PDB file of N, CA and C in Angstrom:
ATOM      1  N   UNK A   1      -4.552   8.450 -11.914  1.00  0.00           N
ATOM      2  CA  UNK A   1      -3.863   8.177 -13.157  1.00  0.00           C
ATOM      3  C   UNK A   1      -3.083   9.429 -13.547  1.00  0.00           C
ATOM      4  N   UNK A   2      -1.821   9.243 -13.888  1.00  0.00           N
ATOM      5  CA  UNK A   2      -1.006  10.398 -14.267  1.00  0.00           C
ATOM      6  C   UNK A   2      -1.037  10.618 -15.783  1.00  0.00           C
ATOM      7  N   UNK A   3      -0.388  11.677 -16.222  1.00  0.00           N
ATOM      8  CA  UNK A   3      -0.417  12.054 -17.632  1.00  0.00           C
ATOM      9  C   UNK A   3       0.140  10.962 -18.539  1.00  0.00           C
ATOM     10  N   UNK A   4       1.190  10.289 -18.087  1.00  0.00           N
ATOM     11  CA  UNK A   4       1.777   9.223 -18.902  1.00  0.00           C
ATOM     12  C   UNK A   4       0.790   8.078 -19.104  1.00  0.00           C
ATOM     13  N   UNK A   5       0.033   7.758 -18.073  1.00  0.00           N
ATOM     14  CA  UNK A   5      -0.955   6.691 -18.188  1.00  0.00           C
ATOM     15  C   UNK A   5      -2.079   7.101 -19.146  1.00  0.00           C
ATOM     16  N   UNK A   6      -2.525   8.362 -19.053  1.00  0.00           N
ATOM     17  CA  UNK A   6      -3.540   8.848 -19.984  1.00  0.00           C
ATOM     18  C   UNK A   6      -3.032   8.787 -21.420  1.00  0.00           C
ATOM     19  N   UNK A   7      -1.791   9.185 -21.608  1.00  0.00           N
ATOM     20  CA  UNK A   7      -1.209   9.147 -22.941  1.00  0.00           C
ATOM     21  C   UNK A   7      -1.147   7.713 -23.451  1.00  0.00           C
ATOM     22  N   UNK A   8      -0.755   6.800 -22.592  1.00  0.00           N
ATOM     23  CA  UNK A   8      -0.664   5.377 -22.974  1.00  0.00           C
ATOM     24  C   UNK A   8      -2.033   4.858 -23.415  1.00  0.00           C
ATOM     25  N   UNK A   9      -3.082   5.200 -22.670  1.00  0.00           N
ATOM     26  CA  UNK A   9      -4.432   4.770 -23.028  1.00  0.00           C
ATOM     27  C   UNK A   9      -4.836   5.373 -24.375  1.00  0.00           C
ATOM     28  N   UNK A  10      -4.517   6.644 -24.580  1.00  0.00           N
ATOM     29  CA  UNK A  10      -4.835   7.290 -25.862  1.00  0.00           C
ATOM     30  C   UNK A  10      -4.135   6.572 -27.007  1.00  0.00           C
ATOM     31  N   UNK A  11      -2.899   6.188 -26.806  1.00  0.00           N
ATOM     32  CA  UNK A  11      -2.150   5.455 -27.827  1.00  0.00           C
ATOM     33  C   UNK A  11      -2.817   4.105 -28.100  1.00  0.00           C
ATOM     34  N   UNK A  12      -3.226   3.429 -27.044  1.00  0.00           N
ATOM     35  CA  UNK A  12      -3.869   2.121 -27.212  1.00  0.00           C
ATOM     36  C   UNK A  12      -5.208   2.244 -27.938  1.00  0.00           C
ATOM     37  N   UNK A  13      -5.973   3.261 -27.597  1.00  0.00           N
ATOM     38  CA  UNK A  13      -7.257   3.466 -28.276  1.00  0.00           C
ATOM     39  C   UNK A  13      -7.010   3.735 -29.751  1.00  0.00           C
ATOM     40  N   UNK A  14      -6.086   4.607 -30.034  1.00  0.00           N
ATOM     41  CA  UNK A  14      -5.788   4.939 -31.438  1.00  0.00           C
ATOM     42  C   UNK A  14      -5.296   3.707 -32.189  1.00  0.00           C
ATOM     43  N   UNK A  15      -4.425   2.954 -31.563  1.00  0.00           N
ATOM     44  CA  UNK A  15      -3.893   1.755 -32.199  1.00  0.00           C
ATOM     45  C   UNK A  15      -5.005   0.745 -32.478  1.00  0.00           C
ATOM     46  N   UNK A  16      -5.952   0.641 -31.537  1.00  0.00           N
ATOM     47  CA  UNK A  16      -7.035  -0.333 -31.704  1.00  0.00           C
ATOM     48  C   UNK A  16      -7.921  -0.009 -32.903  1.00  0.00           C
ATOM     49  N   UNK A  17      -7.909   1.247 -33.355  1.00  0.00           N
ATOM     50  CA  UNK A  17      -8.642   1.634 -34.561  1.00  0.00           C
ATOM     51  C   UNK A  17      -7.993   1.052 -35.808  1.00  0.00           C
ATOM     52  N   UNK A  18      -6.675   0.871 -35.755  1.00  0.00           N
ATOM     53  CA  UNK A  18      -5.924   0.519 -36.950  1.00  0.00           C
ATOM     54  C   UNK A  18      -5.486  -0.939 -37.019  1.00  0.00           C
ATOM     55  N   UNK A  19      -5.277  -1.547 -35.863  1.00  0.00           N
ATOM     56  CA  UNK A  19      -4.748  -2.914 -35.853  1.00  0.00           C
ATOM     57  C   UNK A  19      -5.057  -3.573 -34.519  1.00  0.00           C
ATOM     58  N   UNK A  20      -4.955  -4.893 -34.484  1.00  0.00           N
ATOM     59  CA  UNK A  20      -5.194  -5.592 -33.210  1.00  0.00           C
ATOM     60  C   UNK A  20      -4.114  -5.249 -32.186  1.00  0.00           C
ATOM     61  N   UNK A  21      -4.521  -5.208 -30.941  1.00  0.00           N
ATOM     62  CA  UNK A  21      -3.576  -4.989 -29.851  1.00  0.00           C
ATOM     63  C   UNK A  21      -2.966  -6.327 -29.440  1.00  0.00           C
ATOM     64  N   UNK A  22      -1.731  -6.274 -28.923  1.00  0.00           N
ATOM     65  CA  UNK A  22      -1.159  -7.507 -28.395  1.00  0.00           C
ATOM     66  C   UNK A  22      -1.791  -7.783 -27.020  1.00  0.00           C
ATOM     67  N   UNK A  23      -1.473  -8.898 -26.420  1.00  0.00           N
ATOM     68  CA  UNK A  23      -2.123  -9.322 -25.175  1.00  0.00           C
ATOM     69  C   UNK A  23      -1.926  -8.306 -24.050  1.00  0.00           C
ATOM     70  N   UNK A  24      -0.726  -7.789 -23.892  1.00  0.00           N
ATOM     71  CA  UNK A  24      -0.453  -6.826 -22.820  1.00  0.00           C
ATOM     72  C   UNK A  24      -1.202  -5.516 -23.059  1.00  0.00           C
ATOM     73  N   UNK A  25      -1.235  -5.075 -24.298  1.00  0.00           N
ATOM     74  CA  UNK A  25      -1.955  -3.845 -24.629  1.00  0.00           C
ATOM     75  C   UNK A  25      -3.452  -4.016 -24.399  1.00  0.00           C
ATOM     76  N   UNK A  26      -3.988  -5.149 -24.833  1.00  0.00           N
ATOM     77  CA  UNK A  26      -5.406  -5.416 -24.654  1.00  0.00           C
ATOM     78  C   UNK A  26      -5.762  -5.467 -23.167  1.00  0.00           C
ATOM     79  N   UNK A  27      -4.894  -6.069 -22.379  1.00  0.00           N
ATOM     80  CA  UNK A  27      -5.110  -6.147 -20.932  1.00  0.00           C
ATOM     81  C   UNK A  27      -5.128  -4.758 -20.306  1.00  0.00           C
ATOM     82  N   UNK A  28      -4.214  -3.891 -20.718  1.00  0.00           N
ATOM     83  CA  UNK A  28      -4.161  -2.528 -20.187  1.00  0.00           C
ATOM     84  C   UNK A  28      -5.412  -1.746 -20.572  1.00  0.00           C
ATOM     85  N   UNK A  29      -5.849  -1.894 -21.812  1.00  0.00           N
ATOM     86  CA  UNK A  29      -7.052  -1.202 -22.261  1.00  0.00           C
ATOM     87  C   UNK A  29      -8.275  -1.727 -21.519  1.00  0.00           C
ATOM     88  N   UNK A  30      -8.380  -3.027 -21.366  1.00  0.00           N
ATOM     89  CA  UNK A  30      -9.511  -3.620 -20.645  1.00  0.00           C
ATOM     90  C   UNK A  30      -9.544  -3.163 -19.183  1.00  0.00           C
ATOM     91  N   UNK A  31      -8.389  -3.039 -18.570  1.00  0.00           N
ATOM     92  CA  UNK A  31      -8.333  -2.561 -17.181  1.00  0.00           C
ATOM     93  C   UNK A  31      -8.847  -1.124 -17.093  1.00  0.00           C
ATOM     94  N   UNK A  32      -8.462  -0.295 -18.048  1.00  0.00           N
ATOM     95  CA  UNK A  32      -8.936   1.094 -18.076  1.00  0.00           C
ATOM     96  C   UNK A  32     -10.436   1.139 -18.306  1.00  0.00           C
ATOM     97  N   UNK A  33     -10.943   0.308 -19.206  1.00  0.00           N
ATOM     98  CA  UNK A  33     -12.377   0.261 -19.476  1.00  0.00           C
ATOM     99  C   UNK A  33     -13.162  -0.175 -18.247  1.00  0.00           C
ATOM    100  N   UNK A  34     -12.625  -1.115 -17.496  1.00  0.00           N
ATOM    101  CA  UNK A  34     -13.296  -1.633 -16.303  1.00  0.00           C
ATOM    102  C   UNK A  34     -13.204  -0.668 -15.121  1.00  0.00           C
ATOM    103  N   UNK A  35     -12.241   0.232 -15.174  1.00  0.00           N
ATOM    104  CA  UNK A  35     -11.985   1.149 -14.059  1.00  0.00           C
ATOM    105  C   UNK A  35     -13.114   2.155 -13.837  1.00  0.00           C
ATOM    106  N   UNK A  36     -13.772   2.577 -14.906  1.00  0.00           N
ATOM    107  CA  UNK A  36     -14.806   3.608 -14.785  1.00  0.00           C
ATOM    108  C   UNK A  36     -15.785   3.471 -15.935  1.00  0.00           C
ATOM    109  N   UNK A  37     -17.030   3.533 -15.628  1.00  0.00           N
ATOM    110  CA  UNK A  37     -18.089   3.423 -16.625  1.00  0.00           C
ATOM    111  C   UNK A  37     -17.939   4.489 -17.715  1.00  0.00           C
ATOM    112  N   UNK A  38     -17.456   5.659 -17.345  1.00  0.00           N
ATOM    113  CA  UNK A  38     -17.269   6.741 -18.324  1.00  0.00           C
ATOM    114  C   UNK A  38     -16.191   6.392 -19.348  1.00  0.00           C
ATOM    115  N   UNK A  39     -15.186   5.635 -18.908  1.00  0.00           N
ATOM    116  CA  UNK A  39     -14.143   5.204 -19.846  1.00  0.00           C
ATOM    117  C   UNK A  39     -14.741   4.326 -20.937  1.00  0.00           C
ATOM    118  N   UNK A  40     -15.556   3.358 -20.529  1.00  0.00           N
ATOM    119  CA  UNK A  40     -16.172   2.458 -21.501  1.00  0.00           C
ATOM    120  C   UNK A  40     -17.100   3.235 -22.436  1.00  0.00           C
ATOM    121  N   UNK A  41     -17.848   4.173 -21.876  1.00  0.00           N
ATOM    122  CA  UNK A  41     -18.764   4.962 -22.698  1.00  0.00           C
ATOM    123  C   UNK A  41     -17.986   5.753 -23.751  1.00  0.00           C
ATOM    124  N   UNK A  42     -16.901   6.398 -23.342  1.00  0.00           N
ATOM    125  CA  UNK A  42     -16.069   7.146 -24.280  1.00  0.00           C
ATOM    126  C   UNK A  42     -15.526   6.231 -25.367  1.00  0.00           C
ATOM    127  N   UNK A  43     -15.011   5.092 -24.967  1.00  0.00           N
ATOM    128  CA  UNK A  43     -14.438   4.149 -25.924  1.00  0.00           C
ATOM    129  C   UNK A  43     -15.499   3.689 -26.923  1.00  0.00           C
ATOM    130  N   UNK A  44     -16.668   3.336 -26.436  1.00  0.00           N
ATOM    131  CA  UNK A  44     -17.745   2.885 -27.322  1.00  0.00           C
ATOM    132  C   UNK A  44     -18.189   3.982 -28.280  1.00  0.00           C
ATOM    133  N   UNK A  45     -18.253   5.213 -27.792  1.00  0.00           N
ATOM    134  CA  UNK A  45     -18.619   6.329 -28.664  1.00  0.00           C
ATOM    135  C   UNK A  45     -17.572   6.524 -29.762  1.00  0.00           C
ATOM    136  N   UNK A  46     -16.317   6.417 -29.396  1.00  0.00           N
ATOM    137  CA  UNK A  46     -15.246   6.561 -30.389  1.00  0.00           C
ATOM    138  C   UNK A  46     -15.296   5.442 -31.409  1.00  0.00           C
ATOM    139  N   UNK A  47     -15.535   4.226 -30.949  1.00  0.00           N
ATOM    140  CA  UNK A  47     -15.586   3.080 -31.860  1.00  0.00           C
ATOM    141  C   UNK A  47     -16.779   3.195 -32.800  1.00  0.00           C
ATOM    142  N   UNK A  48     -17.904   3.664 -32.297  1.00  0.00           N
ATOM    143  CA  UNK A  48     -19.098   3.794 -33.135  1.00  0.00           C
ATOM    144  C   UNK A  48     -18.931   4.901 -34.173  1.00  0.00           C
ATOM    145  N   UNK A  49     -18.337   5.998 -33.761  1.00  0.00           N
ATOM    146  CA  UNK A  49     -18.186   7.114 -34.690  1.00  0.00           C
ATOM    147  C   UNK A  49     -17.077   6.853 -35.698  1.00  0.00           C
ATOM    148  N   UNK A  50     -16.094   6.068 -35.292  1.00  0.00           N
ATOM    149  CA  UNK A  50     -14.962   5.803 -36.166  1.00  0.00           C
ATOM    150  C   UNK A  50     -14.065   7.017 -36.338  1.00  0.00           C
ATOM    151  N   UNK A  51     -14.275   8.031 -35.508  1.00  0.00           N
ATOM    152  CA  UNK A  51     -13.515   9.279 -35.633  1.00  0.00           C
ATOM    153  C   UNK A  51     -12.718   9.527 -34.362  1.00  0.00           C
ATOM    154  N   UNK A  52     -11.455   9.214 -34.423  1.00  0.00           N
ATOM    155  CA  UNK A  52     -10.576   9.417 -33.287  1.00  0.00           C
ATOM    156  C   UNK A  52      -9.964  10.809 -33.296  1.00  0.00           C
ATOM    157  N   UNK A  53     -10.031  11.496 -34.424  1.00  0.00           N
ATOM    158  CA  UNK A  53      -9.308  12.762 -34.587  1.00  0.00           C
ATOM    159  C   UNK A  53      -9.735  13.836 -33.592  1.00  0.00           C
ATOM    160  N   UNK A  54     -11.034  13.946 -33.289  1.00  0.00           N
ATOM    161  CA  UNK A  54     -11.490  14.964 -32.341  1.00  0.00           C
ATOM    162  C   UNK A  54     -10.957  14.671 -30.948  1.00  0.00           C
ATOM    163  N   UNK A  55     -10.985  13.418 -30.546  1.00  0.00           N
ATOM    164  CA  UNK A  55     -10.453  13.021 -29.238  1.00  0.00           C
ATOM    165  C   UNK A  55      -8.955  13.260 -29.184  1.00  0.00           C
ATOM    166  N   UNK A  56      -8.285  12.875 -30.248  1.00  0.00           N
ATOM    167  CA  UNK A  56      -6.843  13.033 -30.309  1.00  0.00           C
ATOM    168  C   UNK A  56      -6.452  14.507 -30.237  1.00  0.00           C
ATOM    169  N   UNK A  57      -7.169  15.352 -30.938  1.00  0.00           N
ATOM    170  CA  UNK A  57      -6.880  16.788 -30.920  1.00  0.00           C
ATOM    171  C   UNK A  57      -7.044  17.377 -29.533  1.00  0.00           C
ATOM    172  N   UNK A  58      -8.127  17.010 -28.855  1.00  0.00           N
ATOM    173  CA  UNK A  58      -8.353  17.547 -27.512  1.00  0.00           C
ATOM    174  C   UNK A  58      -7.295  17.035 -26.549  1.00  0.00           C
ATOM    175  N   UNK A  59      -6.845  15.794 -26.725  1.00  0.00           N
ATOM    176  CA  UNK A  59      -5.823  15.247 -25.854  1.00  0.00           C
ATOM    177  C   UNK A  59      -4.497  15.962 -26.063  1.00  0.00           C
ATOM    178  N   UNK A  60      -4.169  16.275 -27.305  1.00  0.00           N
ATOM    179  CA  UNK A  60      -2.890  16.916 -27.603  1.00  0.00           C
ATOM    180  C   UNK A  60      -2.836  18.350 -27.112  1.00  0.00           C
ATOM    181  N   UNK A  61      -3.989  18.966 -26.842  1.00  0.00           N
ATOM    182  CA  UNK A  61      -4.025  20.331 -26.359  1.00  0.00           C
ATOM    183  C   UNK A  61      -3.789  20.449 -24.853  1.00  0.00           C
ATOM    184  N   UNK A  62      -3.758  19.319 -24.156  1.00  0.00           N
ATOM    185  CA  UNK A  62      -3.534  19.334 -22.712  1.00  0.00           C
ATOM    186  C   UNK A  62      -2.119  19.786 -22.426  1.00  0.00           C
ATOM    187  N   UNK A  63      -1.994  20.772 -21.572  1.00  0.00           N
ATOM    188  CA  UNK A  63      -0.680  21.296 -21.189  1.00  0.00           C
ATOM    189  C   UNK A  63      -0.152  20.471 -20.020  1.00  0.00           C
ATOM    190  N   UNK A  64       0.930  19.751 -20.268  1.00  0.00           N
ATOM    191  CA  UNK A  64       1.499  18.901 -19.212  1.00  0.00           C
ATOM    192  C   UNK A  64       2.669  19.537 -18.539  1.00  0.00           C
TER     193      UNK A  64
END
């Protein structure tokens, strides 16, 4: 997965906190969740905590 794909997933996760995803977005997120058990674990932790800001901050610090 390249940086653009990671960014896209981050956008989808953030969006899912605020509003429903459309069918294509939901499909992309579900594919990422199914790709690796760690992805699902991260997503579930974010959803349970309700705090995307720490994840978002760490993602924005990545030097591309």
